[in-house]
PDB file of N, CA and C in Angstrom:
ATOM      1  N   MET A   1      12.122  23.698 -33.672  1.00  0.00           N
ATOM      2  CA  MET A   1      12.229  22.859 -34.048  1.00  0.00           C
ATOM      3  C   MET A   1      10.744  21.787 -34.014  1.00  0.00           C
ATOM      4  N   SER A   2       9.850  21.567 -35.307  1.00  0.00           N
ATOM      5  CA  SER A   2       9.122  20.652 -35.063  1.00  0.00           C
ATOM      6  C   SER A   2       9.265  19.447 -34.613  1.00  0.00           C
ATOM      7  N   VAL A   3       8.462  18.648 -33.997  1.00  0.00           N
ATOM      8  CA  VAL A   3       8.504  17.214 -33.442  1.00  0.00           C
ATOM      9  C   VAL A   3       8.714  16.225 -34.757  1.00  0.00           C
ATOM     10  N   ALA A   4       8.153  16.837 -36.020  1.00  0.00           N
ATOM     11  CA  ALA A   4       7.983  15.373 -37.109  1.00  0.00           C
ATOM     12  C   ALA A   4      10.009  15.816 -37.482  1.00  0.00           C
ATOM     13  N   ASP A   5      10.761  17.020 -37.457  1.00  0.00           N
ATOM     14  CA  ASP A   5      11.882  17.193 -37.678  1.00  0.00           C
ATOM     15  C   ASP A   5      12.916  16.521 -36.664  1.00  0.00           C
ATOM     16  N   MET A   6      12.224  16.310 -35.430  1.00  0.00           N
ATOM     17  CA  MET A   6      13.171  15.910 -34.321  1.00  0.00           C
ATOM     18  C   MET A   6      13.054  14.357 -34.648  1.00  0.00           C
ATOM     19  N   VAL A   7      12.183  14.132 -35.090  1.00  0.00           N
ATOM     20  CA  VAL A   7      11.825  12.339 -35.321  1.00  0.00           C
ATOM     21  C   VAL A   7      12.766  12.225 -36.530  1.00  0.00           C
ATOM     22  N   GLN A   8      12.358  12.823 -37.754  1.00  0.00           N
ATOM     23  CA  GLN A   8      13.521  12.345 -38.668  1.00  0.00           C
ATOM     24  C   GLN A   8      14.969  12.614 -38.096  1.00  0.00           C
ATOM     25  N   GLY A   9      15.314  13.586 -37.289  1.00  0.00           N
ATOM     26  CA  GLY A   9      16.869  13.638 -37.070  1.00  0.00           C
ATOM     27  C   GLY A   9      16.932  12.387 -36.244  1.00  0.00           C
ATOM     28  N   MET A  10      16.244  11.779 -35.480  1.00  0.00           N
ATOM     29  CA  MET A  10      16.229  10.155 -35.103  1.00  0.00           C
ATOM     30  C   MET A  10      16.605   9.102 -36.220  1.00  0.00           C
ATOM     31  N   ILE A  11      15.665   9.222 -36.994  1.00  0.00           N
ATOM     32  CA  ILE A  11      15.852   8.205 -38.329  1.00  0.00           C
ATOM     33  C   ILE A  11      17.077   8.272 -38.684  1.00  0.00           C
ATOM     34  N   ASP A  12      17.518   9.558 -38.833  1.00  0.00           N
ATOM     35  CA  ASP A  12      18.953   9.771 -40.254  1.00  0.00           C
ATOM     36  C   ASP A  12      19.818   9.113 -38.835  1.00  0.00           C
ATOM     37  N   THR A  13      19.998   9.599 -37.885  1.00  0.00           N
ATOM     38  CA  THR A  13      21.044   8.790 -36.787  1.00  0.00           C
ATOM     39  C   THR A  13      21.118   7.570 -37.028  1.00  0.00           C
ATOM     40  N   LEU A  14      20.017   7.245 -37.016  1.00  0.00           N
ATOM     41  CA  LEU A  14      19.812   5.404 -36.789  1.00  0.00           C
ATOM     42  C   LEU A  14      20.268   4.743 -38.084  1.00  0.00           C
ATOM     43  N   ASN A  15      19.698   5.532 -39.072  1.00  0.00           N
ATOM     44  CA  ASN A  15      20.392   4.949 -40.656  1.00  0.00           C
ATOM     45  C   ASN A  15      21.633   4.808 -40.463  1.00  0.00           C
ATOM     46  N   GLU A  16      22.364   5.930 -39.854  1.00  0.00           N
ATOM     47  CA  GLU A  16      24.279   6.671 -40.348  1.00  0.00           C
ATOM     48  C   GLU A  16      24.551   5.133 -39.325  1.00  0.00           C
ATOM     49  N   ALA A  17      23.976   5.162 -38.456  1.00  0.00           N
ATOM     50  CA  ALA A  17      24.381   3.708 -37.408  1.00  0.00           C
ATOM     51  C   ALA A  17      24.273   2.657 -37.860  1.00  0.00           C
ATOM     52  N   LEU A  18      23.630   1.998 -39.073  1.00  0.00           N
ATOM     53  CA  LEU A  18      23.304   0.678 -39.324  1.00  0.00           C
ATOM     54  C   LEU A  18      24.257   0.355 -39.917  1.00  0.00           C
ATOM     55  N   VAL A  19      25.036   1.266 -40.606  1.00  0.00           N
ATOM     56  CA  VAL A  19      26.118   1.202 -41.493  1.00  0.00           C
ATOM     57  C   VAL A  19      27.251   0.498 -40.516  1.00  0.00           C
ATOM     58  N   ASP A  20      27.384   1.123 -39.208  1.00  0.00           N
ATOM     59  CA  ASP A  20      28.574   0.804 -38.178  1.00  0.00           C
ATOM     60  C   ASP A  20      28.158  -0.464 -37.739  1.00  0.00           C
ATOM     61  N   ALA A  21      26.708  -0.493 -37.287  1.00  0.00           N
ATOM     62  CA  ALA A  21      26.374  -1.904 -36.869  1.00  0.00           C
ATOM     63  C   ALA A  21      26.824  -3.053 -37.442  1.00  0.00           C
ATOM     64  N   GLY A  22      26.417  -3.066 -38.860  1.00  0.00           N
ATOM     65  CA  GLY A  22      27.335  -4.449 -39.784  1.00  0.00           C
ATOM     66  C   GLY A  22      28.428  -4.388 -39.439  1.00  0.00           C
ATOM     67  N   LYS A  23      29.585  -3.052 -39.391  1.00  0.00           N
ATOM     68  CA  LYS A  23      30.731  -3.655 -39.286  1.00  0.00           C
ATOM     69  C   LYS A  23      31.109  -4.171 -38.189  1.00  0.00           C
ATOM     70  N   HIS A  24      30.204  -3.904 -36.964  1.00  0.00           N
ATOM     71  CA  HIS A  24      30.719  -4.284 -35.653  1.00  0.00           C
ATOM     72  C   HIS A  24      30.277  -5.983 -35.530  1.00  0.00           C
ATOM     73  N   ASP A  25      29.079  -6.019 -36.132  1.00  0.00           N
ATOM     74  CA  ASP A  25      28.543  -7.534 -36.102  1.00  0.00           C
ATOM     75  C   ASP A  25      29.955  -8.505 -37.283  1.00  0.00           C
ATOM     76  N   ARG A  26      30.571  -7.581 -38.026  1.00  0.00           N
ATOM     77  CA  ARG A  26      31.893  -8.647 -38.382  1.00  0.00           C
ATOM     78  C   ARG A  26      33.108  -8.398 -37.764  1.00  0.00           C
ATOM     79  N   GLY A  27      32.970  -8.020 -36.337  1.00  0.00           N
ATOM     80  CA  GLY A  27      34.195  -7.737 -35.890  1.00  0.00           C
ATOM     81  C   GLY A  27      34.749  -6.800 -35.291  1.00  0.00           C
ATOM     82  N   ASN A  28      34.621  -5.340 -36.016  1.00  0.00           N
ATOM     83  CA  ASN A  28      35.197  -4.264 -36.152  1.00  0.00           C
ATOM     84  C   ASN A  28      34.550  -3.371 -34.886  1.00  0.00           C
ATOM     85  N   SER A  29      35.801  -3.553 -33.698  1.00  0.00           N
ATOM     86  CA  SER A  29      34.973  -2.962 -32.412  1.00  0.00           C
ATOM     87  C   SER A  29      34.885  -1.350 -32.334  1.00  0.00           C
ATOM     88  N   ALA A  30      35.673  -0.575 -33.464  1.00  0.00           N
ATOM     89  CA  ALA A  30      35.394   0.609 -33.408  1.00  0.00           C
ATOM     90  C   ALA A  30      34.032   1.273 -33.768  1.00  0.00           C
ATOM     91  N   ALA A  31      33.556   0.285 -34.723  1.00  0.00           N
ATOM     92  CA  ALA A  31      32.274   0.493 -35.096  1.00  0.00           C
ATOM     93  C   ALA A  31      31.428   0.360 -34.114  1.00  0.00           C
ATOM     94  N   GLY A  32      31.485  -0.785 -32.830  1.00  0.00           N
ATOM     95  CA  GLY A  32      30.840  -0.427 -32.200  1.00  0.00           C
ATOM     96  C   GLY A  32      30.792   0.698 -31.186  1.00  0.00           C
ATOM     97  N   THR A  33      31.708   1.170 -30.945  1.00  0.00           N
ATOM     98  CA  THR A  33      31.948   2.227 -30.217  1.00  0.00           C
ATOM     99  C   THR A  33      31.200   3.267 -31.095  1.00  0.00           C
ATOM    100  N   ARG A  34      31.350   3.411 -32.034  1.00  0.00           N
ATOM    101  CA  ARG A  34      29.998   4.544 -33.097  1.00  0.00           C
ATOM    102  C   ARG A  34      28.796   4.273 -32.869  1.00  0.00           C
ATOM    103  N   VAL A  35      28.551   2.756 -32.654  1.00  0.00           N
ATOM    104  CA  VAL A  35      27.067   2.344 -32.587  1.00  0.00           C
ATOM    105  C   VAL A  35      26.597   3.085 -31.282  1.00  0.00           C
ATOM    106  N   ARG A  36      27.278   2.557 -30.147  1.00  0.00           N
ATOM    107  CA  ARG A  36      27.274   2.968 -28.803  1.00  0.00           C
ATOM    108  C   ARG A  36      26.527   4.629 -28.952  1.00  0.00           C
ATOM    109  N   LYS A  37      27.785   5.449 -29.130  1.00  0.00           N
ATOM    110  CA  LYS A  37      27.644   6.767 -29.298  1.00  0.00           C
ATOM    111  C   LYS A  37      25.975   7.353 -29.885  1.00  0.00           C
ATOM    112  N   ALA A  38      25.779   6.630 -31.314  1.00  0.00           N
ATOM    113  CA  ALA A  38      24.350   6.667 -31.861  1.00  0.00           C
ATOM    114  C   ALA A  38      23.206   6.463 -31.070  1.00  0.00           C
ATOM    115  N   MET A  39      23.598   5.505 -29.937  1.00  0.00           N
ATOM    116  CA  MET A  39      21.925   4.962 -29.755  1.00  0.00           C
ATOM    117  C   MET A  39      22.384   6.077 -28.450  1.00  0.00           C
ATOM    118  N   GLN A  40      23.403   6.327 -27.821  1.00  0.00           N
ATOM    119  CA  GLN A  40      23.102   7.832 -26.642  1.00  0.00           C
ATOM    120  C   GLN A  40      22.554   9.048 -27.399  1.00  0.00           C
ATOM    121  N   ALA A  41      22.840   9.285 -28.554  1.00  0.00           N
ATOM    122  CA  ALA A  41      22.255  10.252 -29.129  1.00  0.00           C
ATOM    123  C   ALA A  41      20.633  10.260 -29.288  1.00  0.00           C
ATOM    124  N   THR A  42      20.652   8.837 -30.219  1.00  0.00           N
ATOM    125  CA  THR A  42      18.901   8.931 -30.026  1.00  0.00           C
ATOM    126  C   THR A  42      18.440   8.921 -28.614  1.00  0.00           C
ATOM    127  N   LYS A  43      18.918   8.179 -27.662  1.00  0.00           N
ATOM    128  CA  LYS A  43      18.063   8.223 -26.419  1.00  0.00           C
ATOM    129  C   LYS A  43      18.014   9.820 -26.113  1.00  0.00           C
ATOM    130  N   LYS A  44      18.964  10.509 -25.901  1.00  0.00           N
ATOM    131  CA  LYS A  44      18.604  12.149 -25.714  1.00  0.00           C
ATOM    132  C   LYS A  44      17.737  12.768 -26.848  1.00  0.00           C
ATOM    133  N   ALA A  45      17.655  12.477 -27.793  1.00  0.00           N
ATOM    134  CA  ALA A  45      16.613  13.126 -29.109  1.00  0.00           C
ATOM    135  C   ALA A  45      15.432  12.379 -28.530  1.00  0.00           C
ATOM    136  N   ALA A  46      15.290  11.066 -28.249  1.00  0.00           N
ATOM    137  CA  ALA A  46      13.883  10.528 -28.081  1.00  0.00           C
ATOM    138  C   ALA A  46      13.222  11.594 -26.863  1.00  0.00           C
ATOM    139  N   GLN A  47      14.405  11.916 -25.335  1.00  0.00           N
ATOM    140  CA  GLN A  47      13.635  12.421 -24.538  1.00  0.00           C
ATOM    141  C   GLN A  47      13.423  14.018 -24.954  1.00  0.00           C
ATOM    142  N   ASP A  48      14.403  14.538 -25.732  1.00  0.00           N
ATOM    143  CA  ASP A  48      13.684  15.695 -26.256  1.00  0.00           C
ATOM    144  C   ASP A  48      12.237  16.135 -26.840  1.00  0.00           C
ATOM    145  N   VAL A  49      12.299  14.977 -27.467  1.00  0.00           N
ATOM    146  CA  VAL A  49      10.914  14.395 -28.069  1.00  0.00           C
ATOM    147  C   VAL A  49       9.595  14.404 -27.236  1.00  0.00           C
ATOM    148  N   ARG A  50       9.848  13.769 -26.298  1.00  0.00           N
ATOM    149  CA  ARG A  50       8.935  13.648 -25.333  1.00  0.00           C
ATOM    150  C   ARG A  50       8.567  14.764 -24.192  1.00  0.00           C
ATOM    151  N   VAL A  51       9.670  15.646 -24.354  1.00  0.00           N
ATOM    152  CA  VAL A  51       9.425  16.607 -23.670  1.00  0.00           C
ATOM    153  C   VAL A  51       8.941  17.890 -24.421  1.00  0.00           C
ATOM    154  N   GLN A  52       9.126  17.963 -25.939  1.00  0.00           N
ATOM    155  CA  GLN A  52       8.516  19.235 -26.439  1.00  0.00           C
ATOM    156  C   GLN A  52       6.898  18.335 -26.877  1.00  0.00           C
ATOM    157  N   VAL A  53       6.650  16.936 -26.827  1.00  0.00           N
ATOM    158  CA  VAL A  53       5.387  16.747 -27.198  1.00  0.00           C
ATOM    159  C   VAL A  53       4.947  17.047 -25.734  1.00  0.00           C
ATOM    160  N   GLN A  54       4.895  16.902 -24.431  1.00  0.00           N
ATOM    161  CA  GLN A  54       4.288  17.437 -23.682  1.00  0.00           C
ATOM    162  C   GLN A  54       4.301  18.599 -23.301  1.00  0.00           C
ATOM    163  N   ALA A  55       5.293  19.341 -23.439  1.00  0.00           N
ATOM    164  CA  ALA A  55       5.066  20.893 -23.238  1.00  0.00           C
ATOM    165  C   ALA A  55       4.151  21.457 -24.380  1.00  0.00           C
ATOM    166  N   ASP A  56       3.668  20.873 -25.610  1.00  0.00           N
ATOM    167  CA  ASP A  56       3.083  21.208 -26.580  1.00  0.00           C
ATOM    168  C   ASP A  56       1.272  20.724 -25.885  1.00  0.00           C
ATOM    169  N   LYS A  57       1.225  19.746 -25.303  1.00  0.00           N
ATOM    170  CA  LYS A  57       0.050  19.162 -24.731  1.00  0.00           C
ATOM    171  C   LYS A  57      -0.665  20.156 -23.868  1.00  0.00           C
ATOM    172  N   ASN A  58       0.227  20.770 -23.145  1.00  0.00           N
ATOM    173  CA  ASN A  58       0.410  21.399 -21.747  1.00  0.00           C
ATOM    174  C   ASN A  58      -0.057  23.115 -22.106  1.00  0.00           C
ATOM    175  N   ALA A  59       0.428  23.213 -23.173  1.00  0.00           N
ATOM    176  CA  ALA A  59       0.226  24.794 -23.751  1.00  0.00           C
ATOM    177  C   ALA A  59      -1.081  25.125 -24.250  1.00  0.00           C
TER     178      ALA A  59
END
């Protein structure tokens, strides 16, 4: 998977989380759980991007 595809996946995840973030702001606690899950997935994806970029640099 290319780095651009990985970043686009992160953007897609965050855009989906944006809807739940609005629901959370209006008091929906279940939406907050989904936002936290999306943030954790984004954190992992960001680390994967960093590892891939470093590997490409060292290749």
